[in-house]
């Protein structure tokens, strides 16, 4: 009779754990930039930064965005009716 080699489960579990840790680390490095809010610059700051330089080279201007309207228009369509019996 030949001897049967048993599978060393601790070694396989260790290899699987190492691969899982490496994959989690790589995934963390890939998505870490999404944890921080983007740095927003005003139009004046952007004129003197890389954005302004690129716009000038292309012959464009960096302008601030238009402000939002103070009064929003009324929605189109009829108003919703109240239920007949609120019980």
C-alpha atoms as a PDB file:
ATOM      1  CA  UNK A   1       0.000   0.000   0.000  1.00  0.00           C
ATOM      2  CA  UNK A   2       1.177   3.480  -0.831  1.00  0.00           C
ATOM      3  CA  UNK A   3       1.059   6.298   1.624  1.00  0.00           C
ATOM      4  CA  UNK A   4      -1.427   9.043   0.851  1.00  0.00           C
ATOM      5  CA  UNK A   5      -0.123  12.561   1.125  1.00  0.00           C
ATOM      6  CA  UNK A   6      -2.455  14.729   3.112  1.00  0.00           C
ATOM      7  CA  UNK A   7      -3.117  18.295   2.091  1.00  0.00           C
ATOM      8  CA  UNK A   8      -1.527  20.805   4.401  1.00  0.00           C
ATOM      9  CA  UNK A   9      -4.526  23.044   5.027  1.00  0.00           C
ATOM     10  CA  UNK A  10      -2.647  25.543   7.212  1.00  0.00           C
ATOM     11  CA  UNK A  11      -0.236  26.355   4.387  1.00  0.00           C
ATOM     12  CA  UNK A  12      -3.080  26.802   1.898  1.00  0.00           C
ATOM     13  CA  UNK A  13      -4.976  29.007   4.348  1.00  0.00           C
ATOM     14  CA  UNK A  14      -1.852  31.119   4.921  1.00  0.00           C
ATOM     15  CA  UNK A  15      -1.290  31.568   1.183  1.00  0.00           C
ATOM     16  CA  UNK A  16      -4.956  32.510   0.678  1.00  0.00           C
ATOM     17  CA  UNK A  17      -4.805  35.002   3.539  1.00  0.00           C
ATOM     18  CA  UNK A  18      -1.626  36.592   2.137  1.00  0.00           C
ATOM     19  CA  UNK A  19      -3.212  36.951  -1.311  1.00  0.00           C
ATOM     20  CA  UNK A  20      -6.372  38.459   0.237  1.00  0.00           C
ATOM     21  CA  UNK A  21      -4.325  41.008   2.214  1.00  0.00           C
ATOM     22  CA  UNK A  22      -2.331  42.013  -0.880  1.00  0.00           C
ATOM     23  CA  UNK A  23      -5.541  42.394  -2.923  1.00  0.00           C
ATOM     24  CA  UNK A  24      -7.171  44.503  -0.192  1.00  0.00           C
ATOM     25  CA  UNK A  25      -4.084  46.729  -0.042  1.00  0.00           C
ATOM     26  CA  UNK A  26      -4.027  47.240  -3.803  1.00  0.00           C
ATOM     27  CA  UNK A  27      -7.764  48.010  -3.817  1.00  0.00           C
ATOM     28  CA  UNK A  28      -7.277  50.545  -1.024  1.00  0.00           C
ATOM     29  CA  UNK A  29      -4.534  52.283  -3.007  1.00  0.00           C
ATOM     30  CA  UNK A  30      -6.766  52.416  -6.081  1.00  0.00           C
ATOM     31  CA  UNK A  31      -9.727  54.099  -4.356  1.00  0.00           C
ATOM     32  CA  UNK A  32      -7.956  56.293  -1.776  1.00  0.00           C
ATOM     33  CA  UNK A  33      -8.317  59.445  -3.884  1.00  0.00           C
ATOM     34  CA  UNK A  34     -12.100  59.189  -3.670  1.00  0.00           C
ATOM     35  CA  UNK A  35     -12.068  59.546   0.123  1.00  0.00           C
ATOM     36  CA  UNK A  36     -10.980  63.183  -0.049  1.00  0.00           C
ATOM     37  CA  UNK A  37     -13.039  66.030  -1.456  1.00  0.00           C
ATOM     38  CA  UNK A  38     -11.600  67.614  -4.583  1.00  0.00           C
ATOM     39  CA  UNK A  39      -9.787  70.903  -4.152  1.00  0.00           C
ATOM     40  CA  UNK A  40     -11.980  73.627  -5.639  1.00  0.00           C
ATOM     41  CA  UNK A  41     -10.428  76.872  -6.776  1.00  0.00           C
ATOM     42  CA  UNK A  42     -12.083  80.155  -7.573  1.00  0.00           C
ATOM     43  CA  UNK A  43     -11.755  81.580 -11.075  1.00  0.00           C
ATOM     44  CA  UNK A  44      -9.160  84.059  -9.833  1.00  0.00           C
ATOM     45  CA  UNK A  45      -7.014  81.302  -8.323  1.00  0.00           C
ATOM     46  CA  UNK A  46      -7.411  79.141 -11.427  1.00  0.00           C
ATOM     47  CA  UNK A  47      -6.180  81.956 -13.683  1.00  0.00           C
ATOM     48  CA  UNK A  48      -2.795  81.746 -11.986  1.00  0.00           C
ATOM     49  CA  UNK A  49      -2.659  77.957 -11.787  1.00  0.00           C
ATOM     50  CA  UNK A  50      -2.147  75.262 -14.398  1.00  0.00           C
ATOM     51  CA  UNK A  51      -5.771  75.586 -15.534  1.00  0.00           C
ATOM     52  CA  UNK A  52      -5.309  79.267 -16.363  1.00  0.00           C
ATOM     53  CA  UNK A  53      -2.046  78.622 -18.165  1.00  0.00           C
ATOM     54  CA  UNK A  54      -3.630  75.909 -20.295  1.00  0.00           C
ATOM     55  CA  UNK A  55      -6.627  78.126 -21.060  1.00  0.00           C
ATOM     56  CA  UNK A  56      -4.355  81.001 -22.076  1.00  0.00           C
ATOM     57  CA  UNK A  57      -2.339  78.731 -24.326  1.00  0.00           C
ATOM     58  CA  UNK A  58      -5.561  77.649 -26.046  1.00  0.00           C
ATOM     59  CA  UNK A  59      -6.791  81.240 -26.342  1.00  0.00           C
ATOM     60  CA  UNK A  60      -9.623  80.835 -23.819  1.00  0.00           C
ATOM     61  CA  UNK A  61     -10.549  82.656 -20.601  1.00  0.00           C
ATOM     62  CA  UNK A  62     -11.320  81.257 -17.157  1.00  0.00           C
ATOM     63  CA  UNK A  63     -14.548  82.822 -15.867  1.00  0.00           C
ATOM     64  CA  UNK A  64     -16.607  82.176 -12.709  1.00  0.00           C
ATOM     65  CA  UNK A  65     -19.832  80.235 -13.089  1.00  0.00           C
ATOM     66  CA  UNK A  66     -23.191  82.010 -13.073  1.00  0.00           C
ATOM     67  CA  UNK A  67     -24.857  82.186  -9.630  1.00  0.00           C
ATOM     68  CA  UNK A  68     -27.983  80.130  -8.985  1.00  0.00           C
ATOM     69  CA  UNK A  69     -31.346  81.836  -9.287  1.00  0.00           C
ATOM     70  CA  UNK A  70     -32.783  83.097  -6.004  1.00  0.00           C
ATOM     71  CA  UNK A  71     -36.331  82.117  -7.007  1.00  0.00           C
ATOM     72  CA  UNK A  72     -36.860  78.787  -8.682  1.00  0.00           C
ATOM     73  CA  UNK A  73     -39.681  78.529 -11.246  1.00  0.00           C
ATOM     74  CA  UNK A  74     -42.904  76.775 -10.214  1.00  0.00           C
ATOM     75  CA  UNK A  75     -43.115  73.149 -11.330  1.00  0.00           C
ATOM     76  CA  UNK A  76     -45.327  72.455 -14.326  1.00  0.00           C
ATOM     77  CA  UNK A  77     -48.577  70.566 -13.845  1.00  0.00           C
ATOM     78  CA  UNK A  78     -51.418  70.596 -11.318  1.00  0.00           C
ATOM     79  CA  UNK A  79     -50.864  70.475  -7.562  1.00  0.00           C
ATOM     80  CA  UNK A  80     -51.267  67.127  -5.841  1.00  0.00           C
ATOM     81  CA  UNK A  81     -54.659  66.509  -4.244  1.00  0.00           C
ATOM     82  CA  UNK A  82     -55.024  65.725  -0.543  1.00  0.00           C
ATOM     83  CA  UNK A  83     -56.332  62.255   0.332  1.00  0.00           C
ATOM     84  CA  UNK A  84     -60.088  62.114   1.042  1.00  0.00           C
ATOM     85  CA  UNK A  85     -59.768  60.237   4.317  1.00  0.00           C
ATOM     86  CA  UNK A  86     -56.382  60.568   6.077  1.00  0.00           C
ATOM     87  CA  UNK A  87     -57.275  57.871   8.663  1.00  0.00           C
END
